[in-house]
Amino acid sequence: MVLVGKNLEIIVLSQILKHILKILGEGLSNYEIARKLYISENTVKKHVSNILSKLELSHRTQAALYAQNMELRYTL
C-alpha cells in the first residue's frame, strides 16, 4: 500500500503503524486497539500520534477516514 501525504509525497509507515491505521479505520478506541494488539494504551497513543504526524493530519477521525479511503482503493 502506498500512502500519500497532503503534499503528494510518498509516506512510509512501519508495519505496526499500518496495522494501527487500519484498525483506526474500524473505529476502535485506543483502549480497544491496545487490547487487540496486546500492547499498552500509552504505546497506542504514541503510535497514533506518529501516524497523525507522518500523514500531516490533525485528528484521529481524519486518520480513520484516510484508512477507510485507502482500504476502499485496494479492495476495488
PDB file of N, CA and C in Angstrom:
ATOM      1  N   MET A   1       0.848  -1.173   0.000  1.00  0.00           N
ATOM      2  CA  MET A   1       0.000   0.000   0.000  1.00  0.00           C
ATOM      3  C   MET A   1       0.892   1.233   0.000  1.00  0.00           C
ATOM      4  N   VAL A   2       0.649   2.155  -0.903  1.00  0.00           N
ATOM      5  CA  VAL A   2       1.387   3.408  -0.968  1.00  0.00           C
ATOM      6  C   VAL A   2       0.543   4.484  -0.316  1.00  0.00           C
ATOM      7  N   LEU A   3       1.103   5.128   0.701  1.00  0.00           N
ATOM      8  CA  LEU A   3       0.406   6.211   1.379  1.00  0.00           C
ATOM      9  C   LEU A   3       0.942   7.528   0.859  1.00  0.00           C
ATOM     10  N   VAL A   4       0.053   8.481   0.680  1.00  0.00           N
ATOM     11  CA  VAL A   4       0.437   9.775   0.138  1.00  0.00           C
ATOM     12  C   VAL A   4      -0.006  10.865   1.094  1.00  0.00           C
ATOM     13  N   GLY A   5       0.915  11.796   1.404  1.00  0.00           N
ATOM     14  CA  GLY A   5       0.612  12.913   2.287  1.00  0.00           C
ATOM     15  C   GLY A   5      -0.061  14.044   1.534  1.00  0.00           C
ATOM     16  N   LYS A   6      -0.340  15.130   2.263  1.00  0.00           N
ATOM     17  CA  LYS A   6      -1.037  16.281   1.682  1.00  0.00           C
ATOM     18  C   LYS A   6      -0.286  16.887   0.507  1.00  0.00           C
ATOM     19  N   ASN A   7       1.047  16.860   0.569  1.00  0.00           N
ATOM     20  CA  ASN A   7       1.853  17.451  -0.500  1.00  0.00           C
ATOM     21  C   ASN A   7       2.239  16.430  -1.566  1.00  0.00           C
ATOM     22  N   LEU A   8       1.489  15.331  -1.612  1.00  0.00           N
ATOM     23  CA  LEU A   8       1.664  14.259  -2.587  1.00  0.00           C
ATOM     24  C   LEU A   8       2.995  13.523  -2.478  1.00  0.00           C
ATOM     25  N   GLU A   9       3.679  13.653  -1.329  1.00  0.00           N
ATOM     26  CA  GLU A   9       4.888  12.870  -1.137  1.00  0.00           C
ATOM     27  C   GLU A   9       4.500  11.479  -0.637  1.00  0.00           C
ATOM     28  N   ILE A  10       5.324  10.504  -0.958  1.00  0.00           N
ATOM     29  CA  ILE A  10       5.057   9.133  -0.521  1.00  0.00           C
ATOM     30  C   ILE A  10       5.442   9.014   0.948  1.00  0.00           C
ATOM     31  N   ILE A  11       4.541   8.435   1.734  1.00  0.00           N
ATOM     32  CA  ILE A  11       4.739   8.274   3.170  1.00  0.00           C
ATOM     33  C   ILE A  11       5.072   6.812   3.454  1.00  0.00           C
ATOM     34  N   VAL A  12       6.116   6.592   4.239  1.00  0.00           N
ATOM     35  CA  VAL A  12       6.491   5.240   4.626  1.00  0.00           C
ATOM     36  C   VAL A  12       6.104   5.030   6.086  1.00  0.00           C
ATOM     37  N   LEU A  13       5.236   4.050   6.312  1.00  0.00           N
ATOM     38  CA  LEU A  13       4.844   3.696   7.669  1.00  0.00           C
ATOM     39  C   LEU A  13       5.337   2.285   7.960  1.00  0.00           C
ATOM     40  N   SER A  14       5.742   2.067   9.195  1.00  0.00           N
ATOM     41  CA  SER A  14       6.141   0.718   9.607  1.00  0.00           C
ATOM     42  C   SER A  14       4.919  -0.194   9.582  1.00  0.00           C
ATOM     43  N   GLN A  15       5.164  -1.483   9.649  1.00  0.00           N
ATOM     44  CA  GLN A  15       4.063  -2.450   9.643  1.00  0.00           C
ATOM     45  C   GLN A  15       3.098  -2.199  10.798  1.00  0.00           C
ATOM     46  N   ILE A  16       3.629  -1.912  11.993  1.00  0.00           N
ATOM     47  CA  ILE A  16       2.754  -1.699  13.149  1.00  0.00           C
ATOM     48  C   ILE A  16       1.908  -0.442  12.949  1.00  0.00           C
ATOM     49  N   LEU A  17       2.486   0.611  12.391  1.00  0.00           N
ATOM     50  CA  LEU A  17       1.708   1.831  12.149  1.00  0.00           C
ATOM     51  C   LEU A  17       0.634   1.584  11.097  1.00  0.00           C
ATOM     52  N   LYS A  18       0.945   0.823  10.066  1.00  0.00           N
ATOM     53  CA  LYS A  18      -0.066   0.484   9.054  1.00  0.00           C
ATOM     54  C   LYS A  18      -1.198  -0.319   9.679  1.00  0.00           C
ATOM     55  N   HIS A  19      -0.830  -1.250  10.551  1.00  0.00           N
ATOM     56  CA  HIS A  19      -1.838  -2.087  11.207  1.00  0.00           C
ATOM     57  C   HIS A  19      -2.737  -1.238  12.107  1.00  0.00           C
ATOM     58  N   ILE A  20      -2.135  -0.345  12.874  1.00  0.00           N
ATOM     59  CA  ILE A  20      -2.923   0.524  13.755  1.00  0.00           C
ATOM     60  C   ILE A  20      -3.789   1.462  12.928  1.00  0.00           C
ATOM     61  N   LEU A  21      -3.274   1.980  11.825  1.00  0.00           N
ATOM     62  CA  LEU A  21      -4.071   2.838  10.945  1.00  0.00           C
ATOM     63  C   LEU A  21      -5.289   2.082  10.431  1.00  0.00           C
ATOM     64  N   LYS A  22      -5.089   0.844  10.032  1.00  0.00           N
ATOM     65  CA  LYS A  22      -6.214   0.029   9.554  1.00  0.00           C
ATOM     66  C   LYS A  22      -7.255  -0.153  10.658  1.00  0.00           C
ATOM     67  N   ILE A  23      -6.801  -0.424  11.871  1.00  0.00           N
ATOM     68  CA  ILE A  23      -7.720  -0.611  12.994  1.00  0.00           C
ATOM     69  C   ILE A  23      -8.430   0.697  13.333  1.00  0.00           C
ATOM     70  N   LEU A  24      -7.727   1.822  13.213  1.00  0.00           N
ATOM     71  CA  LEU A  24      -8.378   3.126  13.414  1.00  0.00           C
ATOM     72  C   LEU A  24      -9.550   3.277  12.449  1.00  0.00           C
ATOM     73  N   GLY A  25      -9.360   2.798  11.233  1.00  0.00           N
ATOM     74  CA  GLY A  25     -10.417   2.854  10.230  1.00  0.00           C
ATOM     75  C   GLY A  25     -11.640   2.039  10.610  1.00  0.00           C
ATOM     76  N   GLU A  26     -11.457   1.090  11.513  1.00  0.00           N
ATOM     77  CA  GLU A  26     -12.575   0.283  12.001  1.00  0.00           C
ATOM     78  C   GLU A  26     -13.305   0.970  13.151  1.00  0.00           C
ATOM     79  N   GLY A  27     -12.751   2.095  13.617  1.00  0.00           N
ATOM     80  CA  GLY A  27     -13.417   2.875  14.658  1.00  0.00           C
ATOM     81  C   GLY A  27     -13.106   2.465  16.088  1.00  0.00           C
ATOM     82  N   LEU A  28     -12.059   1.672  16.296  1.00  0.00           N
ATOM     83  CA  LEU A  28     -11.722   1.243  17.648  1.00  0.00           C
ATOM     84  C   LEU A  28     -11.034   2.360  18.431  1.00  0.00           C
ATOM     85  N   SER A  29     -11.244   2.355  19.736  1.00  0.00           N
ATOM     86  CA  SER A  29     -10.601   3.322  20.634  1.00  0.00           C
ATOM     87  C   SER A  29      -9.167   2.873  20.915  1.00  0.00           C
ATOM     88  N   ASN A  30      -8.381   3.770  21.523  1.00  0.00           N
ATOM     89  CA  ASN A  30      -7.014   3.404  21.901  1.00  0.00           C
ATOM     90  C   ASN A  30      -7.016   2.187  22.820  1.00  0.00           C
ATOM     91  N   TYR A  31      -7.929   2.173  23.768  1.00  0.00           N
ATOM     92  CA  TYR A  31      -8.032   1.056  24.711  1.00  0.00           C
ATOM     93  C   TYR A  31      -8.308  -0.249  23.965  1.00  0.00           C
ATOM     94  N   GLU A  32      -9.255  -0.202  23.035  1.00  0.00           N
ATOM     95  CA  GLU A  32      -9.615  -1.403  22.273  1.00  0.00           C
ATOM     96  C   GLU A  32      -8.460  -1.877  21.384  1.00  0.00           C
ATOM     97  N   ILE A  33      -7.751  -0.923  20.796  1.00  0.00           N
ATOM     98  CA  ILE A  33      -6.588  -1.273  19.968  1.00  0.00           C
ATOM     99  C   ILE A  33      -5.519  -1.929  20.832  1.00  0.00           C
ATOM    100  N   ALA A  34      -5.273  -1.350  21.998  1.00  0.00           N
ATOM    101  CA  ALA A  34      -4.269  -1.900  22.916  1.00  0.00           C
ATOM    102  C   ALA A  34      -4.610  -3.335  23.299  1.00  0.00           C
ATOM    103  N   ARG A  35      -5.865  -3.570  23.623  1.00  0.00           N
ATOM    104  CA  ARG A  35      -6.293  -4.926  23.996  1.00  0.00           C
ATOM    105  C   ARG A  35      -6.134  -5.894  22.820  1.00  0.00           C
ATOM    106  N   LYS A  36      -6.491  -5.429  21.641  1.00  0.00           N
ATOM    107  CA  LYS A  36      -6.424  -6.285  20.448  1.00  0.00           C
ATOM    108  C   LYS A  36      -4.983  -6.668  20.103  1.00  0.00           C
ATOM    109  N   LEU A  37      -4.050  -5.726  20.296  1.00  0.00           N
ATOM    110  CA  LEU A  37      -2.655  -5.951  19.903  1.00  0.00           C
ATOM    111  C   LEU A  37      -1.752  -6.358  21.070  1.00  0.00           C
ATOM    112  N   TYR A  38      -2.319  -6.460  22.265  1.00  0.00           N
ATOM    113  CA  TYR A  38      -1.541  -6.837  23.455  1.00  0.00           C
ATOM    114  C   TYR A  38      -0.391  -5.869  23.723  1.00  0.00           C
ATOM    115  N   ILE A  39      -0.687  -4.570  23.594  1.00  0.00           N
ATOM    116  CA  ILE A  39       0.283  -3.528  23.923  1.00  0.00           C
ATOM    117  C   ILE A  39      -0.402  -2.539  24.853  1.00  0.00           C
ATOM    118  N   SER A  40       0.369  -1.629  25.445  1.00  0.00           N
ATOM    119  CA  SER A  40      -0.223  -0.675  26.378  1.00  0.00           C
ATOM    120  C   SER A  40      -0.972   0.425  25.625  1.00  0.00           C
ATOM    121  N   GLU A  41      -1.913   1.029  26.319  1.00  0.00           N
ATOM    122  CA  GLU A  41      -2.671   2.129  25.732  1.00  0.00           C
ATOM    123  C   GLU A  41      -1.748   3.308  25.425  1.00  0.00           C
ATOM    124  N   ASN A  42      -0.733   3.537  26.275  1.00  0.00           N
ATOM    125  CA  ASN A  42       0.225   4.619  26.014  1.00  0.00           C
ATOM    126  C   ASN A  42       1.011   4.371  24.730  1.00  0.00           C
ATOM    127  N   THR A  43       1.339   3.122  24.466  1.00  0.00           N
ATOM    128  CA  THR A  43       2.037   2.782  23.222  1.00  0.00           C
ATOM    129  C   THR A  43       1.145   3.072  22.021  1.00  0.00           C
ATOM    130  N   VAL A  44      -0.127   2.744  22.140  1.00  0.00           N
ATOM    131  CA  VAL A  44      -1.077   3.040  21.060  1.00  0.00           C
ATOM    132  C   VAL A  44      -1.142   4.546  20.834  1.00  0.00           C
ATOM    133  N   LYS A  45      -1.219   5.315  21.915  1.00  0.00           N
ATOM    134  CA  LYS A  45      -1.280   6.781  21.794  1.00  0.00           C
ATOM    135  C   LYS A  45      -0.064   7.316  21.047  1.00  0.00           C
ATOM    136  N   LYS A  46       1.113   6.780  21.364  1.00  0.00           N
ATOM    137  CA  LYS A  46       2.338   7.219  20.678  1.00  0.00           C
ATOM    138  C   LYS A  46       2.287   6.856  19.196  1.00  0.00           C
ATOM    139  N   HIS A  47       1.826   5.653  18.900  1.00  0.00           N
ATOM    140  CA  HIS A  47       1.724   5.228  17.500  1.00  0.00           C
ATOM    141  C   HIS A  47       0.716   6.089  16.734  1.00  0.00           C
ATOM    142  N   VAL A  48      -0.429   6.375  17.344  1.00  0.00           N
ATOM    143  CA  VAL A  48      -1.442   7.218  16.690  1.00  0.00           C
ATOM    144  C   VAL A  48      -0.860   8.607  16.440  1.00  0.00           C
ATOM    145  N   SER A  49      -0.139   9.135  17.415  1.00  0.00           N
ATOM    146  CA  SER A  49       0.497  10.441  17.247  1.00  0.00           C
ATOM    147  C   SER A  49       1.486  10.418  16.083  1.00  0.00           C
ATOM    148  N   ASN A  50       2.268   9.345  15.965  1.00  0.00           N
ATOM    149  CA  ASN A  50       3.202   9.200  14.840  1.00  0.00           C
ATOM    150  C   ASN A  50       2.469   9.151  13.507  1.00  0.00           C
ATOM    151  N   ILE A  51       1.371   8.428  13.469  1.00  0.00           N
ATOM    152  CA  ILE A  51       0.570   8.329  12.242  1.00  0.00           C
ATOM    153  C   ILE A  51       0.062   9.707  11.838  1.00  0.00           C
ATOM    154  N   LEU A  52      -0.505  10.430  12.795  1.00  0.00           N
ATOM    155  CA  LEU A  52      -1.036  11.765  12.503  1.00  0.00           C
ATOM    156  C   LEU A  52       0.065  12.680  11.988  1.00  0.00           C
ATOM    157  N   SER A  53       1.221  12.622  12.621  1.00  0.00           N
ATOM    158  CA  SER A  53       2.342  13.465  12.215  1.00  0.00           C
ATOM    159  C   SER A  53       2.820  13.121  10.803  1.00  0.00           C
ATOM    160  N   LYS A  54       3.030  11.836  10.534  1.00  0.00           N
ATOM    161  CA  LYS A  54       3.546  11.419   9.222  1.00  0.00           C
ATOM    162  C   LYS A  54       2.561  11.712   8.094  1.00  0.00           C
ATOM    163  N   LEU A  55       1.265  11.588   8.386  1.00  0.00           N
ATOM    164  CA  LEU A  55       0.257  11.837   7.349  1.00  0.00           C
ATOM    165  C   LEU A  55      -0.226  13.286   7.336  1.00  0.00           C
ATOM    166  N   GLU A  56       0.361  14.100   8.231  1.00  0.00           N
ATOM    167  CA  GLU A  56       0.017  15.523   8.329  1.00  0.00           C
ATOM    168  C   GLU A  56      -1.470  15.717   8.585  1.00  0.00           C
ATOM    169  N   LEU A  57      -1.993  14.960   9.551  1.00  0.00           N
ATOM    170  CA  LEU A  57      -3.398  15.046   9.934  1.00  0.00           C
ATOM    171  C   LEU A  57      -3.500  15.626  11.339  1.00  0.00           C
ATOM    172  N   SER A  58      -4.667  16.179  11.667  1.00  0.00           N
ATOM    173  CA  SER A  58      -4.853  16.817  12.969  1.00  0.00           C
ATOM    174  C   SER A  58      -5.602  15.952  13.966  1.00  0.00           C
ATOM    175  N   HIS A  59      -6.467  15.072  13.482  1.00  0.00           N
ATOM    176  CA  HIS A  59      -7.347  14.312  14.369  1.00  0.00           C
ATOM    177  C   HIS A  59      -7.384  12.847  13.959  1.00  0.00           C
ATOM    178  N   ARG A  60      -7.634  11.990  14.950  1.00  0.00           N
ATOM    179  CA  ARG A  60      -7.720  10.553  14.672  1.00  0.00           C
ATOM    180  C   ARG A  60      -8.881  10.236  13.742  1.00  0.00           C
ATOM    181  N   THR A  61      -9.927  11.068  13.756  1.00  0.00           N
ATOM    182  CA  THR A  61     -11.049  10.862  12.841  1.00  0.00           C
ATOM    183  C   THR A  61     -10.576  10.989  11.395  1.00  0.00           C
ATOM    184  N   GLN A  62      -9.693  11.954  11.145  1.00  0.00           N
ATOM    185  CA  GLN A  62      -9.131  12.106   9.806  1.00  0.00           C
ATOM    186  C   GLN A  62      -8.329  10.860   9.424  1.00  0.00           C
ATOM    187  N   ALA A  63      -7.592  10.316  10.386  1.00  0.00           N
ATOM    188  CA  ALA A  63      -6.810   9.105  10.128  1.00  0.00           C
ATOM    189  C   ALA A  63      -7.733   7.928   9.831  1.00  0.00           C
ATOM    190  N   ALA A  64      -8.835   7.839  10.566  1.00  0.00           N
ATOM    191  CA  ALA A  64      -9.802   6.759  10.337  1.00  0.00           C
ATOM    192  C   ALA A  64     -10.397   6.864   8.938  1.00  0.00           C
ATOM    193  N   LEU A  65     -10.762   8.070   8.540  1.00  0.00           N
ATOM    194  CA  LEU A  65     -11.314   8.277   7.197  1.00  0.00           C
ATOM    195  C   LEU A  65     -10.268   7.978   6.125  1.00  0.00           C
ATOM    196  N   TYR A  66      -9.037   8.378   6.374  1.00  0.00           N
ATOM    197  CA  TYR A  66      -7.934   8.100   5.456  1.00  0.00           C
ATOM    198  C   TYR A  66      -7.784   6.590   5.280  1.00  0.00           C
ATOM    199  N   ALA A  67      -7.804   5.868   6.402  1.00  0.00           N
ATOM    200  CA  ALA A  67      -7.665   4.407   6.362  1.00  0.00           C
ATOM    201  C   ALA A  67      -8.810   3.770   5.589  1.00  0.00           C
ATOM    202  N   GLN A  68     -10.017   4.244   5.819  1.00  0.00           N
ATOM    203  CA  GLN A  68     -11.178   3.697   5.113  1.00  0.00           C
ATOM    204  C   GLN A  68     -11.066   3.960   3.619  1.00  0.00           C
ATOM    205  N   ASN A  69     -10.622   5.147   3.257  1.00  0.00           N
ATOM    206  CA  ASN A  69     -10.452   5.505   1.854  1.00  0.00           C
ATOM    207  C   ASN A  69      -9.392   4.621   1.195  1.00  0.00           C
ATOM    208  N   MET A  70      -8.274   4.398   1.880  1.00  0.00           N
ATOM    209  CA  MET A  70      -7.214   3.550   1.332  1.00  0.00           C
ATOM    210  C   MET A  70      -7.700   2.110   1.200  1.00  0.00           C
ATOM    211  N   GLU A  71      -8.461   1.641   2.170  1.00  0.00           N
ATOM    212  CA  GLU A  71      -8.996   0.275   2.136  1.00  0.00           C
ATOM    213  C   GLU A  71      -9.911   0.102   0.927  1.00  0.00           C
ATOM    214  N   LEU A  72     -10.740   1.094   0.664  1.00  0.00           N
ATOM    215  CA  LEU A  72     -11.634   1.042  -0.493  1.00  0.00           C
ATOM    216  C   LEU A  72     -10.844   0.971  -1.791  1.00  0.00           C
ATOM    217  N   ARG A  73      -9.782   1.750  -1.883  1.00  0.00           N
ATOM    218  CA  ARG A  73      -8.974   1.765  -3.103  1.00  0.00           C
ATOM    219  C   ARG A  73      -8.371   0.403  -3.403  1.00  0.00           C
ATOM    220  N   TYR A  74      -7.985  -0.305  -2.361  1.00  0.00           N
ATOM    221  CA  TYR A  74      -7.288  -1.566  -2.576  1.00  0.00           C
ATOM    222  C   TYR A  74      -8.198  -2.775  -2.578  1.00  0.00           C
ATOM    223  N   THR A  75      -9.496  -2.572  -2.346  1.00  0.00           N
ATOM    224  CA  THR A  75     -10.425  -3.696  -2.417  1.00  0.00           C
ATOM    225  C   THR A  75     -11.244  -3.662  -3.696  1.00  0.00           C
ATOM    226  N   LEU A  76     -11.178  -2.567  -4.439  1.00  0.00           N
ATOM    227  CA  LEU A  76     -11.937  -2.461  -5.694  1.00  0.00           C
ATOM    228  C   LEU A  76     -11.186  -3.089  -6.844  1.00  0.00           C
TER     229      LEU A  76
END
